[in-house]
Amino acid sequence: MVTLWTRTRRFLAILCLALLAPIGGCGGGSRQASDPAPAAPKAAADPDIRPILVSFLAGLPPNWHLVSAQDLATSKPVIVDVRQPEEYANGFIDGAVNIALRELAANLRALPAMGGDIVLVCESGHRSAVGMAVLRMLGYKNVRSLEGGMKAWRQAKLSTVTSPVPARVAGAAPPVEPRLQTMFDYYLARTLPTNWGAMSGPELTEDQKRKSSSELEAQPETFDQGRSVLVDVDEPAEFRRAALDKGINLPLRELPDVLDNIPLEANIHWA
């Protein structure tokens, strides 16, 4: 069984590896899940994202910066709901401000000071984990993600509201590196796929049946990746090889040590 924490780690791994590809500058609209990566060559002036990623991964605590629904209900952080407006309108945590994930990096003025207590919320905990990582890499020190998202909140029989809708606060611009903010804004708005990088069980089954062109034809005129490489980001003690046929174990916190050995062009499925 995949735990919520494991799911959080998977999406953090997707974010970190995606950010190693060129994401700067300009481009078209938001990607569809099947779209190729947008052509956005990395400018020479862009900040080096690698040490920022290394620092973030190395500093991940045992709880992965997650907060349970019960703990959130008894505390008073600023709650930012990163779901789409139509999802938010169907019911949100009282007081939660809506800033969709794709707009998060462009709306830092609507957040409290960089030392403020912030909890990000989405439907399942995937989008909020990505948003939490982005804000922490921008310098926000006390950002957490609701474990299990609104699904866990409702399962705990905690209340939601549809009004009043809190207005965004127009505060002062935070002291973040502008080029870094631009990079993250580009990633969230234009590179992050519409399925948030997720793959369902049936989709994974079909993926693992794929054969490469070289397997199908002695001298293929085209090349494709074939089946995905399966990477489990659990800790070694949690990794059960039988759960992933031909899967390999690369614990999330150890990614900085193996980044140079991961082919960014490979078709990788994080589990």
C-alpha atoms as a PDB file:
ATOM      1  CA  MET A   1       0.000   0.000   0.000  1.00  0.00           C
ATOM      2  CA  VAL A   2       1.366   3.447  -0.920  1.00  0.00           C
ATOM      3  CA  THR A   3       1.291   5.781   2.080  1.00  0.00           C
ATOM      4  CA  LEU A   4       0.461   9.482   1.889  1.00  0.00           C
ATOM      5  CA  TRP A   5       4.032  10.305   2.835  1.00  0.00           C
ATOM      6  CA  THR A   6       5.292   8.139  -0.005  1.00  0.00           C
ATOM      7  CA  ARG A   7       3.039  10.033  -2.417  1.00  0.00           C
ATOM      8  CA  THR A   8       4.418  13.321  -1.125  1.00  0.00           C
ATOM      9  CA  ARG A   9       7.976  12.121  -1.685  1.00  0.00           C
ATOM     10  CA  ARG A  10       7.109  11.030  -5.220  1.00  0.00           C
ATOM     11  CA  PHE A  11       5.816  14.439  -6.202  1.00  0.00           C
ATOM     12  CA  LEU A  12       8.784  16.190  -4.582  1.00  0.00           C
ATOM     13  CA  ALA A  13      11.077  13.950  -6.653  1.00  0.00           C
ATOM     14  CA  ILE A  14       9.178  14.854  -9.836  1.00  0.00           C
ATOM     15  CA  LEU A  15       9.505  18.543  -9.008  1.00  0.00           C
ATOM     16  CA  CYS A  16      13.207  18.372  -8.243  1.00  0.00           C
ATOM     17  CA  LEU A  17      14.154  16.426 -11.361  1.00  0.00           C
ATOM     18  CA  ALA A  18      11.954  18.601 -13.585  1.00  0.00           C
ATOM     19  CA  LEU A  19      13.649  21.740 -12.306  1.00  0.00           C
ATOM     20  CA  LEU A  20      17.018  20.477 -13.504  1.00  0.00           C
ATOM     21  CA  ALA A  21      15.796  20.884 -17.092  1.00  0.00           C
ATOM     22  CA  PRO A  22      15.781  24.357 -18.697  1.00  0.00           C
ATOM     23  CA  ILE A  23      12.652  26.184 -17.538  1.00  0.00           C
ATOM     24  CA  GLY A  24      13.482  29.848 -17.828  1.00  0.00           C
ATOM     25  CA  GLY A  25      12.197  32.743 -19.820  1.00  0.00           C
ATOM     26  CA  CYS A  26       9.251  32.535 -22.146  1.00  0.00           C
ATOM     27  CA  GLY A  27       6.952  30.114 -23.908  1.00  0.00           C
ATOM     28  CA  GLY A  28       3.414  29.050 -24.605  1.00  0.00           C
ATOM     29  CA  GLY A  29       0.522  28.169 -22.351  1.00  0.00           C
ATOM     30  CA  SER A  30       0.216  25.447 -19.729  1.00  0.00           C
ATOM     31  CA  ARG A  31       1.306  22.016 -20.855  1.00  0.00           C
ATOM     32  CA  GLN A  32      -1.024  19.142 -21.489  1.00  0.00           C
ATOM     33  CA  ALA A  33      -0.001  15.821 -19.972  1.00  0.00           C
ATOM     34  CA  SER A  34       1.078  14.485 -23.378  1.00  0.00           C
ATOM     35  CA  ASP A  35       2.798  17.644 -24.629  1.00  0.00           C
ATOM     36  CA  PRO A  36       6.573  17.675 -25.139  1.00  0.00           C
ATOM     37  CA  ALA A  37       8.633  19.910 -22.889  1.00  0.00           C
ATOM     38  CA  PRO A  38       8.389  23.544 -24.028  1.00  0.00           C
ATOM     39  CA  ALA A  39      11.412  25.014 -25.738  1.00  0.00           C
ATOM     40  CA  ALA A  40      12.778  27.507 -23.241  1.00  0.00           C
ATOM     41  CA  PRO A  41      16.599  27.596 -23.362  1.00  0.00           C
ATOM     42  CA  LYS A  42      18.237  28.383 -20.065  1.00  0.00           C
ATOM     43  CA  ALA A  43      19.617  31.902 -20.094  1.00  0.00           C
ATOM     44  CA  ALA A  44      23.175  32.455 -18.900  1.00  0.00           C
ATOM     45  CA  ALA A  45      21.934  34.816 -16.198  1.00  0.00           C
ATOM     46  CA  ASP A  46      19.558  32.284 -14.648  1.00  0.00           C
ATOM     47  CA  PRO A  47      20.430  31.279 -11.069  1.00  0.00           C
ATOM     48  CA  ASP A  48      21.908  27.825 -10.487  1.00  0.00           C
ATOM     49  CA  ILE A  49      19.003  25.731  -9.196  1.00  0.00           C
ATOM     50  CA  ARG A  50      21.116  22.711  -8.268  1.00  0.00           C
ATOM     51  CA  PRO A  51      22.501  23.919  -4.894  1.00  0.00           C
ATOM     52  CA  ILE A  52      19.025  25.130  -3.952  1.00  0.00           C
ATOM     53  CA  LEU A  53      17.568  21.690  -4.674  1.00  0.00           C
ATOM     54  CA  VAL A  54      20.405  19.975  -2.811  1.00  0.00           C
ATOM     55  CA  SER A  55      19.852  22.167   0.247  1.00  0.00           C
ATOM     56  CA  PHE A  56      16.095  21.588   0.188  1.00  0.00           C
ATOM     57  CA  LEU A  57      16.366  17.797  -0.092  1.00  0.00           C
ATOM     58  CA  ALA A  58      19.094  17.553   2.537  1.00  0.00           C
ATOM     59  CA  GLY A  59      16.978  19.564   4.970  1.00  0.00           C
ATOM     60  CA  LEU A  60      13.798  17.495   4.670  1.00  0.00           C
ATOM     61  CA  PRO A  61      12.652  16.533   8.198  1.00  0.00           C
ATOM     62  CA  PRO A  62      11.196  13.166   9.242  1.00  0.00           C
ATOM     63  CA  ASN A  63       7.648  14.481   8.750  1.00  0.00           C
ATOM     64  CA  TRP A  64       8.381  15.828   5.243  1.00  0.00           C
ATOM     65  CA  HIS A  65       6.928  19.235   6.257  1.00  0.00           C
ATOM     66  CA  LEU A  66       3.451  17.715   6.503  1.00  0.00           C
ATOM     67  CA  VAL A  67       0.700  18.595   8.988  1.00  0.00           C
ATOM     68  CA  SER A  68      -2.260  16.369   9.805  1.00  0.00           C
ATOM     69  CA  ALA A  69      -5.853  17.493   9.458  1.00  0.00           C
ATOM     70  CA  GLN A  70      -6.356  17.220  13.231  1.00  0.00           C
ATOM     71  CA  ASP A  71      -3.306  19.371  13.999  1.00  0.00           C
ATOM     72  CA  LEU A  72      -4.305  21.953  11.399  1.00  0.00           C
ATOM     73  CA  ALA A  73      -7.798  22.182  12.915  1.00  0.00           C
ATOM     74  CA  THR A  74      -6.343  23.117  16.321  1.00  0.00           C
ATOM     75  CA  SER A  75      -3.775  25.644  15.106  1.00  0.00           C
ATOM     76  CA  LYS A  76      -3.991  29.053  13.479  1.00  0.00           C
ATOM     77  CA  PRO A  77      -1.658  29.231  10.464  1.00  0.00           C
ATOM     78  CA  VAL A  78      -2.401  31.113   7.285  1.00  0.00           C
ATOM     79  CA  ILE A  79      -4.091  28.534   5.050  1.00  0.00           C
ATOM     80  CA  VAL A  80      -3.575  28.808   1.297  1.00  0.00           C
ATOM     81  CA  ASP A  81      -5.767  26.575  -0.858  1.00  0.00           C
ATOM     82  CA  VAL A  82      -3.910  25.877  -4.122  1.00  0.00           C
ATOM     83  CA  ARG A  83      -6.775  24.125  -5.891  1.00  0.00           C
ATOM     84  CA  GLN A  84      -8.476  25.557  -8.944  1.00  0.00           C
ATOM     85  CA  PRO A  85     -11.185  28.173  -8.215  1.00  0.00           C
ATOM     86  CA  GLU A  86     -14.004  25.797  -9.180  1.00  0.00           C
ATOM     87  CA  GLU A  87     -12.717  23.177  -6.721  1.00  0.00           C
ATOM     88  CA  TYR A  88     -12.331  25.779  -3.994  1.00  0.00           C
ATOM     89  CA  ALA A  89     -15.877  27.077  -4.552  1.00  0.00           C
ATOM     90  CA  ASN A  90     -17.310  23.645  -3.713  1.00  0.00           C
ATOM     91  CA  GLY A  91     -16.023  23.875  -0.149  1.00  0.00           C
ATOM     92  CA  PHE A  92     -12.903  25.103   1.631  1.00  0.00           C
ATOM     93  CA  ILE A  93     -11.450  25.355   5.132  1.00  0.00           C
ATOM     94  CA  ASP A  94     -12.811  28.438   6.864  1.00  0.00           C
ATOM     95  CA  GLY A  95     -10.363  31.299   6.323  1.00  0.00           C
ATOM     96  CA  ALA A  96      -8.372  29.604   3.544  1.00  0.00           C
ATOM     97  CA  VAL A  97      -7.286  31.963   0.774  1.00  0.00           C
ATOM     98  CA  ASN A  98      -7.409  30.581  -2.766  1.00  0.00           C
ATOM     99  CA  ILE A  99      -4.253  30.917  -4.888  1.00  0.00           C
ATOM    100  CA  ALA A 100      -4.163  28.217  -7.567  1.00  0.00           C
ATOM    101  CA  LEU A 101      -0.847  26.368  -7.719  1.00  0.00           C
ATOM    102  CA  ARG A 102      -0.001  27.646 -11.199  1.00  0.00           C
ATOM    103  CA  GLU A 103      -0.363  31.229  -9.897  1.00  0.00           C
ATOM    104  CA  LEU A 104       1.452  30.737  -6.593  1.00  0.00           C
ATOM    105  CA  ALA A 105       4.924  32.015  -7.469  1.00  0.00           C
ATOM    106  CA  ALA A 106       3.437  35.068  -9.186  1.00  0.00           C
ATOM    107  CA  ASN A 107       1.374  36.033  -6.118  1.00  0.00           C
ATOM    108  CA  LEU A 108       3.872  36.090  -3.269  1.00  0.00           C
ATOM    109  CA  ARG A 109       2.525  39.482  -2.163  1.00  0.00           C
ATOM    110  CA  ALA A 110      -0.662  37.683  -1.078  1.00  0.00           C
ATOM    111  CA  LEU A 111       1.310  35.552   1.404  1.00  0.00           C
ATOM    112  CA  PRO A 112       2.387  36.540   4.917  1.00  0.00           C
ATOM    113  CA  ALA A 113       5.976  37.462   5.710  1.00  0.00           C
ATOM    114  CA  MET A 114       8.585  34.854   4.843  1.00  0.00           C
ATOM    115  CA  GLY A 115       8.780  33.713   8.461  1.00  0.00           C
ATOM    116  CA  GLY A 116       5.017  33.335   8.800  1.00  0.00           C
ATOM    117  CA  ASP A 117       3.276  30.048   9.549  1.00  0.00           C
ATOM    118  CA  ILE A 118       1.695  28.883   6.263  1.00  0.00           C
ATOM    119  CA  VAL A 119      -0.102  25.637   5.405  1.00  0.00           C
ATOM    120  CA  LEU A 120      -0.870  24.801   1.772  1.00  0.00           C
ATOM    121  CA  VAL A 121      -3.938  22.717   0.968  1.00  0.00           C
ATOM    122  CA  CYS A 122      -5.137  20.899  -2.162  1.00  0.00           C
ATOM    123  CA  GLU A 123      -7.461  17.974  -2.848  1.00  0.00           C
ATOM    124  CA  SER A 124      -5.086  15.083  -2.152  1.00  0.00           C
ATOM    125  CA  GLY A 125      -1.821  16.612  -0.940  1.00  0.00           C
ATOM    126  CA  HIS A 126       0.046  16.436  -4.287  1.00  0.00           C
ATOM    127  CA  ARG A 127      -0.230  20.026  -5.470  1.00  0.00           C
ATOM    128  CA  SER A 128       0.257  21.417  -1.983  1.00  0.00           C
ATOM    129  CA  ALA A 129       3.500  19.419  -1.599  1.00  0.00           C
ATOM    130  CA  VAL A 130       4.825  20.925  -4.830  1.00  0.00           C
ATOM    131  CA  GLY A 131       3.794  24.414  -3.706  1.00  0.00           C
ATOM    132  CA  MET A 132       5.398  23.886  -0.303  1.00  0.00           C
ATOM    133  CA  ALA A 133       8.681  22.868  -1.913  1.00  0.00           C
ATOM    134  CA  VAL A 134       8.647  25.884  -4.246  1.00  0.00           C
ATOM    135  CA  LEU A 135       8.010  28.332  -1.406  1.00  0.00           C
ATOM    136  CA  ARG A 136      10.674  26.780   0.798  1.00  0.00           C
ATOM    137  CA  MET A 137      13.218  26.972  -2.014  1.00  0.00           C
ATOM    138  CA  LEU A 138      12.267  30.636  -2.415  1.00  0.00           C
ATOM    139  CA  GLY A 139      13.119  31.209   1.251  1.00  0.00           C
ATOM    140  CA  TYR A 140       9.868  30.678   3.184  1.00  0.00           C
ATOM    141  CA  LYS A 141      10.893  28.873   6.379  1.00  0.00           C
ATOM    142  CA  ASN A 142       7.595  27.795   7.940  1.00  0.00           C
ATOM    143  CA  VAL A 143       5.550  26.384   5.067  1.00  0.00           C
ATOM    144  CA  ARG A 144       3.864  23.009   5.444  1.00  0.00           C
ATOM    145  CA  SER A 145       1.472  20.887   3.401  1.00  0.00           C
ATOM    146  CA  LEU A 146      -1.795  19.316   4.606  1.00  0.00           C
ATOM    147  CA  GLU A 147      -1.231  15.563   4.666  1.00  0.00           C
ATOM    148  CA  GLY A 148      -3.829  13.888   2.470  1.00  0.00           C
ATOM    149  CA  GLY A 149      -5.344  17.226   1.460  1.00  0.00           C
ATOM    150  CA  MET A 150      -9.039  18.015   1.599  1.00  0.00           C
ATOM    151  CA  LYS A 151      -9.826  14.307   1.275  1.00  0.00           C
ATOM    152  CA  ALA A 152      -8.183  13.703   4.663  1.00  0.00           C
ATOM    153  CA  TRP A 153      -9.864  16.822   6.086  1.00  0.00           C
ATOM    154  CA  ARG A 154     -13.313  15.560   5.083  1.00  0.00           C
ATOM    155  CA  GLN A 155     -12.551  12.008   6.232  1.00  0.00           C
ATOM    156  CA  ALA A 156     -11.758  13.468   9.660  1.00  0.00           C
ATOM    157  CA  LYS A 157     -15.291  14.951   9.559  1.00  0.00           C
ATOM    158  CA  LEU A 158     -13.948  18.478   9.837  1.00  0.00           C
ATOM    159  CA  SER A 159     -16.119  21.274   8.507  1.00  0.00           C
ATOM    160  CA  THR A 160     -15.853  23.174   5.242  1.00  0.00           C
ATOM    161  CA  VAL A 161     -17.558  26.382   4.130  1.00  0.00           C
ATOM    162  CA  THR A 162     -18.465  28.062   0.855  1.00  0.00           C
ATOM    163  CA  SER A 163     -18.569  31.608   2.269  1.00  0.00           C
ATOM    164  CA  PRO A 164     -17.330  34.105   3.163  1.00  0.00           C
ATOM    165  CA  VAL A 165     -14.545  33.977   0.585  1.00  0.00           C
ATOM    166  CA  PRO A 166     -11.402  35.558   2.067  1.00  0.00           C
ATOM    167  CA  ALA A 167      -9.822  38.230  -0.108  1.00  0.00           C
ATOM    168  CA  ARG A 168      -6.164  38.085  -1.040  1.00  0.00           C
ATOM    169  CA  VAL A 169      -4.035  40.516   0.897  1.00  0.00           C
ATOM    170  CA  ALA A 170      -1.842  42.814  -1.199  1.00  0.00           C
ATOM    171  CA  GLY A 171       1.252  42.969   0.963  1.00  0.00           C
ATOM    172  CA  ALA A 172       4.830  44.017   0.358  1.00  0.00           C
ATOM    173  CA  ALA A 173       6.982  42.195  -2.139  1.00  0.00           C
ATOM    174  CA  PRO A 174       9.064  39.540  -0.305  1.00  0.00           C
ATOM    175  CA  PRO A 175      12.869  39.661  -0.522  1.00  0.00           C
ATOM    176  CA  VAL A 176      13.267  36.765  -2.950  1.00  0.00           C
ATOM    177  CA  GLU A 177      15.710  36.432  -5.833  1.00  0.00           C
ATOM    178  CA  PRO A 178      13.691  37.766  -8.814  1.00  0.00           C
ATOM    179  CA  ARG A 179      15.284  35.394 -11.324  1.00  0.00           C
ATOM    180  CA  LEU A 180      14.550  32.419  -9.078  1.00  0.00           C
ATOM    181  CA  GLN A 181      10.949  33.547  -8.683  1.00  0.00           C
ATOM    182  CA  THR A 182      10.672  33.790 -12.474  1.00  0.00           C
ATOM    183  CA  MET A 183      12.028  30.262 -12.885  1.00  0.00           C
ATOM    184  CA  PHE A 184       9.511  28.800 -10.450  1.00  0.00           C
ATOM    185  CA  ASP A 185       6.671  30.816 -11.948  1.00  0.00           C
ATOM    186  CA  TYR A 186       7.531  29.439 -15.390  1.00  0.00           C
ATOM    187  CA  TYR A 187       7.647  25.884 -14.073  1.00  0.00           C
ATOM    188  CA  LEU A 188       4.297  26.091 -12.268  1.00  0.00           C
ATOM    189  CA  ALA A 189       2.459  28.027 -14.969  1.00  0.00           C
ATOM    190  CA  ARG A 190       3.865  26.500 -18.144  1.00  0.00           C
ATOM    191  CA  THR A 191       5.854  23.331 -17.530  1.00  0.00           C
ATOM    192  CA  LEU A 192       3.933  21.423 -14.857  1.00  0.00           C
ATOM    193  CA  PRO A 193       1.597  19.046 -16.771  1.00  0.00           C
ATOM    194  CA  THR A 194      -2.150  19.106 -16.310  1.00  0.00           C
ATOM    195  CA  ASN A 195      -2.081  15.734 -14.537  1.00  0.00           C
ATOM    196  CA  TRP A 196       0.571  17.091 -12.111  1.00  0.00           C
ATOM    197  CA  GLY A 197       2.946  14.347 -13.239  1.00  0.00           C
ATOM    198  CA  ALA A 198       0.738  11.539 -11.910  1.00  0.00           C
ATOM    199  CA  MET A 199       0.129   8.158 -13.510  1.00  0.00           C
ATOM    200  CA  SER A 200      -2.726   5.832 -12.568  1.00  0.00           C
ATOM    201  CA  GLY A 201      -2.324   2.101 -11.934  1.00  0.00           C
ATOM    202  CA  PRO A 202      -3.836   1.095 -15.303  1.00  0.00           C
ATOM    203  CA  GLU A 203      -1.665   3.679 -17.077  1.00  0.00           C
ATOM    204  CA  LEU A 204       1.440   2.276 -15.414  1.00  0.00           C
ATOM    205  CA  THR A 205       0.444  -1.248 -16.425  1.00  0.00           C
ATOM    206  CA  GLU A 206       0.098  -0.182 -20.054  1.00  0.00           C
ATOM    207  CA  ASP A 207       3.347   1.763 -19.872  1.00  0.00           C
ATOM    208  CA  GLN A 208       5.259  -1.292 -18.685  1.00  0.00           C
ATOM    209  CA  LYS A 209       4.008  -3.278 -21.696  1.00  0.00           C
ATOM    210  CA  ARG A 210       5.654  -0.861 -24.128  1.00  0.00           C
ATOM    211  CA  LYS A 211       8.568  -2.021 -26.226  1.00  0.00           C
ATOM    212  CA  SER A 212      11.272   0.183 -27.642  1.00  0.00           C
ATOM    213  CA  SER A 213      11.756   0.552 -31.386  1.00  0.00           C
ATOM    214  CA  SER A 214      14.973  -1.439 -31.137  1.00  0.00           C
ATOM    215  CA  GLU A 215      13.025  -4.403 -29.718  1.00  0.00           C
ATOM    216  CA  LEU A 216      10.468  -4.239 -32.508  1.00  0.00           C
ATOM    217  CA  GLU A 217      12.759  -3.554 -35.448  1.00  0.00           C
ATOM    218  CA  ALA A 218      16.372  -4.441 -36.108  1.00  0.00           C
ATOM    219  CA  GLN A 219      17.214  -1.037 -37.577  1.00  0.00           C
ATOM    220  CA  PRO A 220      14.524   1.370 -36.399  1.00  0.00           C
ATOM    221  CA  GLU A 221      14.267   4.714 -38.146  1.00  0.00           C
ATOM    222  CA  THR A 222      12.924   6.317 -34.995  1.00  0.00           C
ATOM    223  CA  PHE A 223      13.809   5.947 -31.338  1.00  0.00           C
ATOM    224  CA  ASP A 224      11.488   5.875 -28.362  1.00  0.00           C
ATOM    225  CA  GLN A 225      12.029   5.260 -24.666  1.00  0.00           C
ATOM    226  CA  GLY A 226       9.992   2.105 -24.344  1.00  0.00           C
ATOM    227  CA  ARG A 227       8.777   1.334 -20.848  1.00  0.00           C
ATOM    228  CA  SER A 228       9.494   3.748 -18.017  1.00  0.00           C
ATOM    229  CA  VAL A 229      12.256   3.202 -15.497  1.00  0.00           C
ATOM    230  CA  LEU A 230      10.573   2.656 -12.111  1.00  0.00           C
ATOM    231  CA  VAL A 231      12.187   4.510  -9.218  1.00  0.00           C
ATOM    232  CA  ASP A 232      11.028   4.058  -5.612  1.00  0.00           C
ATOM    233  CA  VAL A 233      11.905   7.065  -3.420  1.00  0.00           C
ATOM    234  CA  ASP A 234      11.147   5.379  -0.081  1.00  0.00           C
ATOM    235  CA  GLU A 235      13.821   4.859   2.540  1.00  0.00           C
ATOM    236  CA  PRO A 236      15.682   1.538   2.121  1.00  0.00           C
ATOM    237  CA  ALA A 237      13.891  -0.028   5.105  1.00  0.00           C
ATOM    238  CA  GLU A 238      10.549   0.751   3.454  1.00  0.00           C
ATOM    239  CA  PHE A 239      11.511  -0.397  -0.011  1.00  0.00           C
ATOM    240  CA  ARG A 240       9.950  -3.716  -0.966  1.00  0.00           C
ATOM    241  CA  ARG A 241      11.408  -4.849  -4.253  1.00  0.00           C
ATOM    242  CA  ALA A 242       8.523  -7.235  -4.871  1.00  0.00           C
ATOM    243  CA  ALA A 243       6.133  -4.280  -4.981  1.00  0.00           C
ATOM    244  CA  LEU A 244       7.828  -2.846  -8.071  1.00  0.00           C
ATOM    245  CA  ASP A 245       8.897  -5.257 -10.775  1.00  0.00           C
ATOM    246  CA  LYS A 246      12.388  -4.189 -11.861  1.00  0.00           C
ATOM    247  CA  GLY A 247      12.107  -1.066  -9.731  1.00  0.00           C
ATOM    248  CA  ILE A 248      15.167   0.609  -8.249  1.00  0.00           C
ATOM    249  CA  ASN A 249      15.430   2.399  -4.917  1.00  0.00           C
ATOM    250  CA  LEU A 250      16.700   6.001  -4.786  1.00  0.00           C
ATOM    251  CA  PRO A 251      15.651   7.519  -1.447  1.00  0.00           C
ATOM    252  CA  LEU A 252      14.460  11.084  -1.875  1.00  0.00           C
ATOM    253  CA  ARG A 253      16.950  12.575   0.570  1.00  0.00           C
ATOM    254  CA  GLU A 254      19.814  10.908  -1.314  1.00  0.00           C
ATOM    255  CA  LEU A 255      18.908  12.334  -4.734  1.00  0.00           C
ATOM    256  CA  PRO A 256      21.619  15.033  -4.463  1.00  0.00           C
ATOM    257  CA  ASP A 257      24.237  12.271  -4.354  1.00  0.00           C
ATOM    258  CA  VAL A 258      22.982  10.565  -7.512  1.00  0.00           C
ATOM    259  CA  LEU A 259      21.742  13.442  -9.665  1.00  0.00           C
ATOM    260  CA  ASP A 260      24.658  13.107 -12.061  1.00  0.00           C
ATOM    261  CA  ASN A 261      23.749   9.450 -12.635  1.00  0.00           C
ATOM    262  CA  ILE A 262      20.113  10.109 -13.550  1.00  0.00           C
ATOM    263  CA  PRO A 263      19.607  10.605 -17.292  1.00  0.00           C
ATOM    264  CA  LEU A 264      17.212  13.567 -17.525  1.00  0.00           C
ATOM    265  CA  GLU A 265      16.052  12.410 -20.956  1.00  0.00           C
ATOM    266  CA  ALA A 266      14.909   9.042 -19.587  1.00  0.00           C
ATOM    267  CA  ASN A 267      11.239   8.204 -19.163  1.00  0.00           C
ATOM    268  CA  ILE A 268      11.066   7.864 -15.373  1.00  0.00           C
ATOM    269  CA  HIS A 269       8.076   6.947 -13.229  1.00  0.00           C
ATOM    270  CA  TRP A 270       8.511   7.824  -9.538  1.00  0.00           C
ATOM    271  CA  ALA A 271       6.723   5.563  -7.083  1.00  0.00           C
END
